[in-house]
Amino acid sequence: MNDFKVVKYSAANYTEWNAFVSHSKNGTFLFHRDFMEYHQDRFEDFSLLIYFKNKLVALLPANKKDHEVYSHQGLTYGGVLFTEQVKFDRVLNIFKSVLQFLKDCSITSFFIKEIPSIYPRVFTEEINYLMFILKAELFRKDTLSVININNKALKISRNRLEGYKRGVKHNLVVKEVEDFELFWNQILIKNLEQKHKAKPVHSLDEITLLKKRFPKNIRQFNVYHDKNIVAGTTIFETEHVAHAQYISGNDDKNTLGSLDFLHHYLINETFNAKRYFDFGTSNENNGLHINKGLQFWKEGFGARTVTQDFYKIDVNNYPLLNTVFI
């Protein structure tokens, strides 16, 4: 264990951090420092770099709140990032080093929001096993509605196909745009306020900034009827996944079939070379409930369930990792 060294991130690590993310087996652009730091004023960064014999072998994107560390409260998913070549025993020792470091920093609890299985380049469920060994508390479990685009057995439902045909009948047009203002101000903000008393996670200024930083990863698709915007979807695109970060339509969405028309186009045309199309979660109340209508709509495109686990770890339990190998 003396060969492992854990270091808190600083600006001096910017280039090294981003280079590792780009070659890691489970990293996406969300872990690039330019994405993580767009809302740095909201979080106390506690990201870690883990070295083995002075070679960088893992990263932990994280933030600190009181005596607890989270991976990461400002990101959709988190956890420890590894190289593709890493094997189980190395993962175990890396994780033990992280927990020991956290304990030395007077951290009591470590929260992990796992990376869903559709994102990593290769299998990466070692951490799930370590949660079992560490007696971690599974305090939340979300369901994601995901289409395996290569699986042709699941066909679009009659309801969704009828919606698509209504879109064709009404001469709807899908356009990819660089500007988010129409969608944010005319569709998204109003709908979230009316239906959920909520606001978008990203303000218009923030999503515009992130688009400038990641133009190939953040894409906006709007639907127009008689040249007026009626619906839209904001896509976060990674190597194998097109994730619908925001989906919203105006009051005529059912009459026009605008959302059915849009997603039929995205799944079958724009992102048909991806492995997965991820509609995201339909969960509410920390995973305890599912919006039945939203789930029904997503499954109508052939989406099925992938789960995402949320764990709370008592850092004092790190010696339990010494019992794994016999």
Protein backbone atom coordinates (compact mmCIF):
# COMPACT_ATOMS: atom_id res chain seq x y z
CA MET A 1 0.00 0.00 0.00
CA ASN A 2 2.97 2.32 0.47
CA ASP A 3 3.30 2.42 -3.32
CA PHE A 4 -0.04 4.25 -3.57
CA LYS A 5 -0.32 8.00 -3.13
CA VAL A 6 -3.55 10.03 -3.06
CA VAL A 7 -3.39 13.74 -3.93
CA LYS A 8 -6.09 16.42 -3.91
CA TYR A 9 -6.69 18.01 -7.29
CA SER A 10 -5.34 21.49 -7.99
CA ALA A 11 -5.21 23.60 -11.13
CA ALA A 12 -1.68 22.33 -11.70
CA ASN A 13 -3.19 18.90 -12.45
CA TYR A 14 -5.58 20.21 -15.14
CA THR A 15 -3.81 18.75 -18.19
CA GLU A 16 -2.92 15.47 -16.49
CA TRP A 17 -6.49 15.04 -15.22
CA ASN A 18 -8.14 15.63 -18.59
CA ALA A 19 -5.70 13.37 -20.43
CA PHE A 20 -6.52 10.54 -18.04
CA VAL A 21 -10.27 11.06 -18.44
CA SER A 22 -9.98 10.80 -22.23
CA HIS A 23 -8.25 7.40 -22.00
CA SER A 24 -10.06 5.93 -18.99
CA LYS A 25 -12.38 2.96 -19.36
CA ASN A 26 -15.33 4.70 -17.71
CA GLY A 27 -14.79 8.42 -18.24
CA THR A 28 -17.00 10.78 -20.25
CA PHE A 29 -16.82 14.50 -21.02
CA LEU A 30 -18.75 15.18 -17.78
CA PHE A 31 -15.49 14.49 -15.91
CA HIS A 32 -13.43 16.96 -17.94
CA ARG A 33 -12.46 19.84 -15.68
CA ASP A 34 -14.08 22.33 -18.07
CA PHE A 35 -17.42 20.63 -17.44
CA MET A 36 -16.95 19.98 -13.72
CA GLU A 37 -15.98 23.56 -13.01
CA TYR A 38 -18.82 25.39 -14.76
CA HIS A 39 -20.64 25.36 -11.40
CA GLN A 40 -17.61 25.37 -9.11
CA ASP A 41 -19.11 28.18 -7.03
CA ARG A 42 -21.78 25.74 -5.80
CA PHE A 43 -19.45 22.99 -4.60
CA GLU A 44 -16.28 22.61 -2.56
CA ASP A 45 -14.14 20.51 -4.87
CA PHE A 46 -12.50 17.47 -3.30
CA SER A 47 -11.39 15.60 -6.40
CA LEU A 48 -8.53 13.14 -5.97
CA LEU A 49 -5.72 11.73 -8.11
CA ILE A 50 -4.37 8.28 -7.20
CA TYR A 51 -0.83 7.29 -8.12
CA PHE A 52 0.93 3.93 -8.03
CA LYS A 53 4.72 4.21 -8.00
CA ASN A 54 4.28 7.81 -9.17
CA LYS A 55 2.13 6.82 -12.15
CA LEU A 56 -1.44 8.12 -12.31
CA VAL A 57 -3.78 5.10 -12.14
CA ALA A 58 -7.17 6.53 -11.07
CA LEU A 59 -9.23 9.68 -10.54
CA LEU A 60 -12.07 10.51 -8.20
CA PRO A 61 -14.24 13.48 -9.28
CA ALA A 62 -15.71 14.61 -5.95
CA ASN A 63 -16.94 17.42 -3.75
CA LYS A 64 -16.94 17.88 0.02
CA LYS A 65 -19.76 18.98 2.30
CA ASP A 66 -19.04 19.18 6.01
CA HIS A 67 -17.44 15.82 6.90
CA GLU A 68 -18.80 13.97 3.88
CA VAL A 69 -17.45 13.46 0.36
CA TYR A 70 -19.63 12.89 -2.72
CA SER A 71 -18.80 11.62 -6.18
CA HIS A 72 -20.08 14.22 -7.40
CA GLN A 73 -23.24 16.12 -6.40
CA GLY A 74 -23.03 18.28 -9.51
CA LEU A 75 -22.79 15.39 -11.98
CA THR A 76 -25.30 12.84 -13.26
CA TYR A 77 -23.02 9.96 -12.31
CA GLY A 78 -19.65 9.51 -10.63
CA GLY A 79 -17.28 7.08 -8.98
CA VAL A 80 -13.64 6.24 -9.54
CA LEU A 81 -12.17 6.42 -13.06
CA PHE A 82 -9.71 3.69 -14.10
CA THR A 83 -7.58 2.71 -17.09
CA GLU A 84 -8.83 -0.05 -19.38
CA GLN A 85 -5.94 -2.28 -18.29
CA VAL A 86 -6.73 -2.16 -14.55
CA LYS A 87 -7.43 -5.50 -12.84
CA PHE A 88 -9.45 -6.33 -9.77
CA ASP A 89 -6.63 -6.39 -7.21
CA ARG A 90 -5.47 -2.94 -8.32
CA VAL A 91 -9.00 -1.56 -8.08
CA LEU A 92 -9.31 -2.92 -4.55
CA ASN A 93 -6.07 -1.30 -3.43
CA ILE A 94 -6.92 1.98 -5.13
CA PHE A 95 -10.25 2.12 -3.37
CA LYS A 96 -8.73 1.21 -0.03
CA SER A 97 -6.16 3.99 -0.49
CA VAL A 98 -8.97 6.47 -1.19
CA LEU A 99 -10.89 5.47 1.92
CA GLN A 100 -7.77 5.66 4.09
CA PHE A 101 -7.04 9.12 2.70
CA LEU A 102 -10.59 10.25 3.44
CA LYS A 103 -10.34 8.95 6.99
CA ASP A 104 -7.07 10.83 7.48
CA CYS A 105 -8.91 13.97 6.31
CA SER A 106 -11.57 13.44 9.02
CA ILE A 107 -14.20 12.41 6.46
CA THR A 108 -16.86 10.16 7.97
CA SER A 109 -18.92 9.11 4.93
CA PHE A 110 -18.28 8.69 1.21
CA PHE A 111 -21.21 8.74 -1.23
CA ILE A 112 -21.00 7.13 -4.66
CA LYS A 113 -23.42 7.76 -7.52
CA GLU A 114 -22.37 4.92 -9.80
CA ILE A 115 -21.77 5.21 -13.53
CA PRO A 116 -24.55 3.28 -15.35
CA SER A 117 -23.32 0.18 -17.15
CA ILE A 118 -24.05 1.60 -20.63
CA TYR A 119 -21.26 4.20 -20.42
CA PRO A 120 -17.93 2.36 -19.75
CA ARG A 121 -15.89 1.04 -22.66
CA VAL A 122 -15.27 -2.28 -20.88
CA PHE A 123 -16.75 -4.04 -17.85
CA THR A 124 -16.29 -1.97 -14.72
CA GLU A 125 -18.34 -3.40 -11.86
CA GLU A 126 -15.54 -4.03 -9.39
CA ILE A 127 -16.78 -1.15 -7.24
CA ASN A 128 -20.24 -2.76 -6.98
CA TYR A 129 -18.63 -5.82 -5.41
CA LEU A 130 -16.56 -3.68 -3.05
CA MET A 131 -19.77 -2.00 -1.86
CA PHE A 132 -20.93 -5.43 -0.69
CA ILE A 133 -17.67 -6.10 1.15
CA LEU A 134 -17.70 -2.65 2.77
CA LYS A 135 -21.31 -3.11 3.96
CA ALA A 136 -22.21 0.08 2.13
CA GLU A 137 -25.76 1.35 2.42
CA LEU A 138 -27.75 1.30 -0.82
CA PHE A 139 -29.80 4.41 -0.08
CA ARG A 140 -31.19 5.06 -3.56
CA LYS A 141 -31.71 3.20 -6.84
CA ASP A 142 -32.85 4.91 -10.03
CA THR A 143 -34.13 3.33 -13.23
CA LEU A 144 -33.00 4.58 -16.64
CA SER A 145 -34.98 3.87 -19.81
CA VAL A 146 -32.47 2.80 -22.44
CA ILE A 147 -32.79 1.61 -26.02
CA ASN A 148 -30.25 -0.95 -27.23
CA ILE A 149 -30.14 0.35 -30.78
CA ASN A 150 -28.55 -2.87 -32.08
CA ASN A 151 -31.43 -4.97 -30.73
CA LYS A 152 -33.96 -5.04 -33.53
CA ALA A 153 -36.37 -7.32 -31.64
CA LEU A 154 -38.00 -4.43 -29.74
CA LYS A 155 -40.19 -2.50 -32.13
CA ILE A 156 -41.73 0.93 -31.66
CA SER A 157 -45.23 0.65 -30.17
CA ARG A 158 -48.42 1.47 -32.04
CA ASN A 159 -49.00 4.56 -29.86
CA ARG A 160 -45.56 6.00 -30.59
CA LEU A 161 -45.84 5.16 -34.28
CA GLU A 162 -49.21 6.92 -34.46
CA GLY A 163 -47.60 9.97 -32.84
CA TYR A 164 -44.83 9.91 -35.41
CA LYS A 165 -47.39 9.72 -38.22
CA ARG A 166 -49.23 12.74 -36.78
CA GLY A 167 -45.94 14.61 -36.99
CA VAL A 168 -45.58 13.65 -40.64
CA LYS A 169 -49.17 14.71 -41.32
CA HIS A 170 -48.57 18.12 -39.73
CA ASN A 171 -45.34 18.63 -41.71
CA LEU A 172 -43.16 18.91 -38.63
CA VAL A 173 -39.49 19.70 -39.18
CA VAL A 174 -36.55 18.71 -36.95
CA LYS A 175 -33.51 20.98 -36.94
CA GLU A 176 -30.26 20.84 -35.01
CA VAL A 177 -29.50 24.33 -33.72
CA GLU A 178 -26.57 25.98 -31.98
CA ASP A 179 -28.69 28.35 -29.87
CA PHE A 180 -30.67 27.11 -26.84
CA GLU A 181 -32.66 30.30 -26.23
CA LEU A 182 -35.88 29.35 -28.04
CA PHE A 183 -36.13 25.94 -26.38
CA TRP A 184 -35.18 27.19 -22.93
CA ASN A 185 -37.36 30.30 -22.85
CA GLN A 186 -40.39 29.21 -24.87
CA ILE A 187 -40.67 25.52 -23.94
CA LEU A 188 -38.47 24.08 -21.19
CA ILE A 189 -38.57 26.64 -18.36
CA LYS A 190 -42.35 27.10 -18.65
CA ASN A 191 -43.07 23.36 -18.65
CA LEU A 192 -40.84 22.55 -15.70
CA GLU A 193 -42.40 25.36 -13.67
CA GLN A 194 -45.98 24.36 -14.51
CA LYS A 195 -45.58 20.59 -14.08
CA HIS A 196 -42.93 20.22 -11.39
CA LYS A 197 -42.41 23.67 -9.82
CA ALA A 198 -38.78 23.23 -10.89
CA LYS A 199 -36.12 24.84 -13.05
CA PRO A 200 -33.65 23.28 -15.50
CA VAL A 201 -30.48 22.03 -13.81
CA HIS A 202 -28.57 24.28 -16.22
CA SER A 203 -29.43 27.92 -16.74
CA LEU A 204 -29.48 29.25 -20.31
CA ASP A 205 -26.11 30.90 -19.76
CA GLU A 206 -24.63 27.67 -18.35
CA ILE A 207 -25.82 25.38 -21.14
CA THR A 208 -24.61 27.96 -23.70
CA LEU A 209 -21.19 28.02 -22.04
CA LEU A 210 -21.01 24.21 -21.95
CA LYS A 211 -22.00 24.02 -25.62
CA LYS A 212 -19.05 26.30 -26.47
CA ARG A 213 -16.72 24.08 -24.45
CA PHE A 214 -18.10 20.77 -25.75
CA PRO A 215 -19.67 21.47 -29.17
CA LYS A 216 -19.58 17.84 -30.30
CA ASN A 217 -21.03 16.45 -27.07
CA ILE A 218 -23.89 18.84 -26.32
CA ARG A 219 -26.45 19.12 -29.09
CA GLN A 220 -29.86 20.77 -29.36
CA PHE A 221 -32.65 19.49 -31.61
CA ASN A 222 -35.83 21.54 -32.05
CA VAL A 223 -39.13 20.67 -33.72
CA TYR A 224 -40.93 23.32 -35.76
CA HIS A 225 -44.53 23.59 -36.94
CA ASP A 226 -45.21 26.38 -39.43
CA LYS A 227 -41.76 27.75 -38.52
CA ASN A 228 -42.66 27.98 -34.81
CA ILE A 229 -40.86 25.89 -32.19
CA VAL A 230 -43.15 23.28 -30.61
CA ALA A 231 -40.73 20.85 -28.92
CA GLY A 232 -37.09 20.02 -28.37
CA THR A 233 -34.49 17.72 -26.86
CA THR A 234 -31.03 18.48 -25.50
CA ILE A 235 -28.64 15.58 -26.09
CA PHE A 236 -25.46 14.82 -24.15
CA GLU A 237 -23.50 12.62 -26.55
CA THR A 238 -20.71 10.29 -25.43
CA GLU A 239 -18.82 7.56 -27.28
CA HIS A 240 -21.54 4.90 -27.15
CA VAL A 241 -24.55 6.76 -25.72
CA ALA A 242 -26.92 9.53 -26.79
CA HIS A 243 -28.51 10.75 -23.55
CA ALA A 244 -31.60 12.96 -23.58
CA GLN A 245 -30.76 15.50 -20.88
CA TYR A 246 -33.93 17.54 -21.46
CA ILE A 247 -37.14 16.62 -23.29
CA SER A 248 -40.06 19.02 -23.55
CA GLY A 249 -42.90 20.05 -25.84
CA ASN A 250 -45.62 22.69 -25.87
CA ASP A 251 -49.30 22.11 -25.08
CA ASP A 252 -49.92 20.76 -28.59
CA LYS A 253 -47.35 17.96 -28.32
CA ASN A 254 -49.96 15.18 -28.29
CA THR A 255 -52.04 16.68 -31.11
CA LEU A 256 -48.98 17.29 -33.28
CA GLY A 257 -47.04 14.19 -32.21
CA SER A 258 -44.00 16.43 -31.87
CA LEU A 259 -42.04 14.46 -29.26
CA ASP A 260 -42.78 11.13 -30.93
CA PHE A 261 -41.73 12.57 -34.30
CA LEU A 262 -38.53 14.05 -32.85
CA HIS A 263 -37.34 10.93 -31.04
CA HIS A 264 -38.26 8.60 -33.89
CA TYR A 265 -35.96 10.77 -36.03
CA LEU A 266 -33.12 10.89 -33.47
CA ILE A 267 -33.15 7.15 -32.76
CA ASN A 268 -33.46 6.00 -36.36
CA GLU A 269 -31.49 8.68 -38.18
CA THR A 270 -29.17 10.86 -36.11
CA PHE A 271 -27.94 8.36 -33.51
CA ASN A 272 -28.56 5.02 -35.22
CA ALA A 273 -24.83 4.21 -35.07
CA LYS A 274 -24.71 4.51 -31.27
CA ARG A 275 -25.05 1.48 -29.01
CA TYR A 276 -27.62 3.10 -26.75
CA PHE A 277 -30.17 5.87 -26.60
CA ASP A 278 -30.72 6.85 -22.97
CA PHE A 279 -33.98 8.60 -22.08
CA GLY A 280 -32.77 8.99 -18.49
CA THR A 281 -34.76 8.38 -15.35
CA SER A 282 -38.49 8.61 -14.69
CA ASN A 283 -37.95 8.37 -10.94
CA GLU A 284 -39.18 10.74 -8.29
CA ASN A 285 -38.78 10.93 -4.51
CA ASN A 286 -35.18 9.64 -4.43
CA GLY A 287 -35.97 6.61 -6.56
CA LEU A 288 -38.94 5.35 -4.55
CA HIS A 289 -41.52 6.23 -7.21
CA ILE A 290 -41.74 6.14 -11.00
CA ASN A 291 -43.76 8.48 -13.21
CA LYS A 292 -45.90 5.82 -14.90
CA GLY A 293 -46.92 7.89 -17.91
CA LEU A 294 -43.35 8.98 -18.63
CA GLN A 295 -42.10 5.41 -18.27
CA PHE A 296 -44.83 4.17 -20.63
CA TRP A 297 -43.88 6.77 -23.24
CA LYS A 298 -40.17 5.87 -23.17
CA GLU A 299 -40.80 2.12 -23.31
CA GLY A 300 -42.98 2.70 -26.35
CA PHE A 301 -39.79 3.34 -28.32
CA GLY A 302 -38.31 0.02 -27.19
CA ALA A 303 -36.50 1.33 -24.11
CA ARG A 304 -35.93 -1.07 -21.23
CA THR A 305 -34.60 -0.63 -17.71
CA VAL A 306 -31.00 -0.09 -16.62
CA THR A 307 -30.45 0.69 -12.94
CA GLN A 308 -28.15 3.19 -11.23
CA ASP A 309 -27.17 2.63 -7.60
CA PHE A 310 -26.34 5.21 -4.94
CA TYR A 311 -24.20 4.11 -1.98
CA LYS A 312 -23.15 5.53 1.36
CA ILE A 313 -19.89 4.14 2.72
CA ASP A 314 -18.61 4.39 6.27
CA VAL A 315 -14.93 5.16 5.66
CA ASN A 316 -14.01 3.39 8.90
CA ASN A 317 -14.92 0.10 7.20
CA TYR A 318 -11.93 0.20 4.83
CA PRO A 319 -10.08 -2.64 6.73
CA LEU A 320 -12.81 -5.00 5.47
CA LEU A 321 -11.11 -4.85 2.08
CA ASN A 322 -8.18 -6.74 3.61
CA THR A 323 -10.40 -9.83 3.91
CA VAL A 324 -11.21 -10.27 0.21
CA PHE A 325 -8.28 -12.34 -1.07
CA ILE A 326 -7.62 -15.79 0.42
